C-alpha atoms as a PDB file:
ATOM      1  CA  UNK A   1      42.009  22.009  32.936  1.00  0.00           C
ATOM      2  CA  UNK A   2      38.734  20.239  33.535  1.00  0.00           C
ATOM      3  CA  UNK A   3      40.442  17.477  35.477  1.00  0.00           C
ATOM      4  CA  UNK A   4      42.067  20.025  37.820  1.00  0.00           C
ATOM      5  CA  UNK A   5      38.683  21.609  38.490  1.00  0.00           C
ATOM      6  CA  UNK A   6      37.184  18.203  39.202  1.00  0.00           C
ATOM      7  CA  UNK A   7      39.988  17.337  41.637  1.00  0.00           C
ATOM      8  CA  UNK A   8      39.617  20.707  43.386  1.00  0.00           C
ATOM      9  CA  UNK A   9      35.848  20.242  43.659  1.00  0.00           C
ATOM     10  CA  UNK A  10      36.264  16.698  45.033  1.00  0.00           C
ATOM     11  CA  UNK A  11      38.755  17.928  47.662  1.00  0.00           C
ATOM     12  CA  UNK A  12      36.407  20.734  48.681  1.00  0.00           C
ATOM     13  CA  UNK A  13      33.492  18.329  49.085  1.00  0.00           C
ATOM     14  CA  UNK A  14      35.618  15.985  51.198  1.00  0.00           C
ATOM     15  CA  UNK A  15      36.668  18.885  53.417  1.00  0.00           C
ATOM     16  CA  UNK A  16      33.067  20.030  53.879  1.00  0.00           C
ATOM     17  CA  UNK A  17      32.027  16.478  54.763  1.00  0.00           C
ATOM     18  CA  UNK A  18      34.775  16.138  57.359  1.00  0.00           C
ATOM     19  CA  UNK A  19      33.850  19.495  58.923  1.00  0.00           C
ATOM     20  CA  UNK A  20      30.249  18.362  59.288  1.00  0.00           C
ATOM     21  CA  UNK A  21      31.384  15.082  60.854  1.00  0.00           C
ATOM     22  CA  UNK A  22      33.191  17.009  63.601  1.00  0.00           C
ATOM     23  CA  UNK A  23      30.204  18.052  65.679  1.00  0.00           C
ATOM     24  CA  UNK A  24      30.593  20.585  68.445  1.00  0.00           C
ATOM     25  CA  UNK A  25      30.007  19.388  71.992  1.00  0.00           C
ATOM     26  CA  UNK A  26      26.544  20.819  72.717  1.00  0.00           C
ATOM     27  CA  UNK A  27      25.001  21.639  76.078  1.00  0.00           C
ATOM     28  CA  UNK A  28      21.540  22.976  76.894  1.00  0.00           C
ATOM     29  CA  UNK A  29      20.444  25.431  79.592  1.00  0.00           C
ATOM     30  CA  UNK A  30      16.706  25.808  80.188  1.00  0.00           C
ATOM     31  CA  UNK A  31      15.089  28.687  82.075  1.00  0.00           C
ATOM     32  CA  UNK A  32      11.980  27.624  83.989  1.00  0.00           C
ATOM     33  CA  UNK A  33      10.197  29.163  86.969  1.00  0.00           C
ATOM     34  CA  UNK A  34      13.070  31.547  87.714  1.00  0.00           C
ATOM     35  CA  UNK A  35      15.758  28.819  87.674  1.00  0.00           C
ATOM     36  CA  UNK A  36      18.291  27.501  85.165  1.00  0.00           C
ATOM     37  CA  UNK A  37      18.305  23.758  84.560  1.00  0.00           C
ATOM     38  CA  UNK A  38      20.862  22.303  85.046  1.00  0.00           C
ATOM     39  CA  UNK A  39      22.564  24.473  87.638  1.00  0.00           C
ATOM     40  CA  UNK A  40      26.020  23.183  86.684  1.00  0.00           C
ATOM     41  CA  UNK A  41      27.525  21.731  83.496  1.00  0.00           C
ATOM     42  CA  UNK A  42      30.986  20.266  83.003  1.00  0.00           C
ATOM     43  CA  UNK A  43      32.381  21.227  79.575  1.00  0.00           C
ATOM     44  CA  UNK A  44      35.674  20.418  77.854  1.00  0.00           C
ATOM     45  CA  UNK A  45      38.387  23.070  78.182  1.00  0.00           C
ATOM     46  CA  UNK A  46      40.312  24.060  75.068  1.00  0.00           C
ATOM     47  CA  UNK A  47      37.496  23.190  72.633  1.00  0.00           C
ATOM     48  CA  UNK A  48      34.721  25.103  70.963  1.00  0.00           C
ATOM     49  CA  UNK A  49      31.337  24.328  72.488  1.00  0.00           C
ATOM     50  CA  UNK A  50      27.771  25.146  71.580  1.00  0.00           C
ATOM     51  CA  UNK A  51      25.330  26.311  74.260  1.00  0.00           C
ATOM     52  CA  UNK A  52      21.624  25.978  73.537  1.00  0.00           C
ATOM     53  CA  UNK A  53      19.345  28.273  75.520  1.00  0.00           C
ATOM     54  CA  UNK A  54      15.616  27.672  75.914  1.00  0.00           C
ATOM     55  CA  UNK A  55      13.058  29.658  77.877  1.00  0.00           C
ATOM     56  CA  UNK A  56      10.274  27.433  79.231  1.00  0.00           C
ATOM     57  CA  UNK A  57       9.115  30.110  81.677  1.00  0.00           C
ATOM     58  CA  UNK A  58       6.017  32.301  81.487  1.00  0.00           C
ATOM     59  CA  UNK A  59       7.988  35.550  81.009  1.00  0.00           C
ATOM     60  CA  UNK A  60      11.164  36.741  79.304  1.00  0.00           C
ATOM     61  CA  UNK A  61      14.572  35.618  80.560  1.00  0.00           C
ATOM     62  CA  UNK A  62      18.118  36.650  79.850  1.00  0.00           C
ATOM     63  CA  UNK A  63      21.082  34.287  79.755  1.00  0.00           C
ATOM     64  CA  UNK A  64      24.173  36.330  80.569  1.00  0.00           C
ATOM     65  CA  UNK A  65      27.869  35.901  81.289  1.00  0.00           C
ATOM     66  CA  UNK A  66      29.850  39.135  81.486  1.00  0.00           C
ATOM     67  CA  UNK A  67      33.292  37.478  81.336  1.00  0.00           C
ATOM     68  CA  UNK A  68      32.494  35.666  78.071  1.00  0.00           C
ATOM     69  CA  UNK A  69      30.435  38.592  76.751  1.00  0.00           C
ATOM     70  CA  UNK A  70      27.384  36.442  76.143  1.00  0.00           C
ATOM     71  CA  UNK A  71      23.929  37.938  76.462  1.00  0.00           C
ATOM     72  CA  UNK A  72      20.726  36.390  75.088  1.00  0.00           C
ATOM     73  CA  UNK A  73      17.235  37.622  75.924  1.00  0.00           C
ATOM     74  CA  UNK A  74      14.524  35.106  75.091  1.00  0.00           C
ATOM     75  CA  UNK A  75      10.754  35.435  75.055  1.00  0.00           C
ATOM     76  CA  UNK A  76       8.669  32.636  76.567  1.00  0.00           C
ATOM     77  CA  UNK A  77       8.988  29.498  74.437  1.00  0.00           C
ATOM     78  CA  UNK A  78      11.962  30.836  72.470  1.00  0.00           C
ATOM     79  CA  UNK A  79      15.319  29.140  71.865  1.00  0.00           C
ATOM     80  CA  UNK A  80      18.720  30.321  70.706  1.00  0.00           C
ATOM     81  CA  UNK A  81      22.364  29.288  70.836  1.00  0.00           C
ATOM     82  CA  UNK A  82      25.911  30.613  71.035  1.00  0.00           C
ATOM     83  CA  UNK A  83      29.245  29.072  70.120  1.00  0.00           C
ATOM     84  CA  UNK A  84      31.991  29.663  72.639  1.00  0.00           C
ATOM     85  CA  UNK A  85      35.601  29.287  71.575  1.00  0.00           C
ATOM     86  CA  UNK A  86      38.239  27.357  73.523  1.00  0.00           C
ATOM     87  CA  UNK A  87      37.470  27.993  77.183  1.00  0.00           C
ATOM     88  CA  UNK A  88      40.364  27.961  79.585  1.00  0.00           C
ATOM     89  CA  UNK A  89      39.980  25.632  82.566  1.00  0.00           C
ATOM     90  CA  UNK A  90      37.861  27.376  85.172  1.00  0.00           C
ATOM     91  CA  UNK A  91      34.349  28.333  86.213  1.00  0.00           C
ATOM     92  CA  UNK A  92      32.025  30.551  84.199  1.00  0.00           C
ATOM     93  CA  UNK A  93      28.762  31.758  85.776  1.00  0.00           C
ATOM     94  CA  UNK A  94      25.664  32.311  83.636  1.00  0.00           C
ATOM     95  CA  UNK A  95      22.823  34.147  85.322  1.00  0.00           C
ATOM     96  CA  UNK A  96      19.333  35.313  84.487  1.00  0.00           C
ATOM     97  CA  UNK A  97      18.941  39.079  84.473  1.00  0.00           C
ATOM     98  CA  UNK A  98      15.262  38.805  85.416  1.00  0.00           C
ATOM     99  CA  UNK A  99      15.948  36.331  88.288  1.00  0.00           C
ATOM    100  CA  UNK A 100      19.571  37.089  89.290  1.00  0.00           C
ATOM    101  CA  UNK A 101      19.460  35.343  92.678  1.00  0.00           C
ATOM    102  CA  UNK A 102      17.863  32.075  91.524  1.00  0.00           C
ATOM    103  CA  UNK A 103      18.574  31.670  87.795  1.00  0.00           C
ATOM    104  CA  UNK A 104      22.159  30.499  87.657  1.00  0.00           C
ATOM    105  CA  UNK A 105      24.190  27.886  85.783  1.00  0.00           C
ATOM    106  CA  UNK A 106      27.882  27.305  86.371  1.00  0.00           C
ATOM    107  CA  UNK A 107      29.987  26.063  83.451  1.00  0.00           C
ATOM    108  CA  UNK A 108      33.004  24.161  84.718  1.00  0.00           C
ATOM    109  CA  UNK A 109      35.644  23.836  82.000  1.00  0.00           C
ATOM    110  CA  UNK A 110      38.027  20.923  82.588  1.00  0.00           C
END
């Protein structure tokens, strides 16, 4: 029995190691002075991605996309992230609730 437990433990550790090796494509959007930087990001379609949000502005900012149901409100100097699952090819607009006409970033999934 002990050998079976050892083999199971070894397989589990190998699986965990391989999952860590498969990093998510990661993209950052920064809010600063009422704008999102960058204003457009090309991301892979059909894969999970990680979006990092950072607020470098003097006041709060919200990163929002209604279609993807993502909404993050960040205080000045704060950071956060979301993982988005398997985007279909297309365009996905993130906007800042506090600066809706100037704070915008377009994700283009290809």
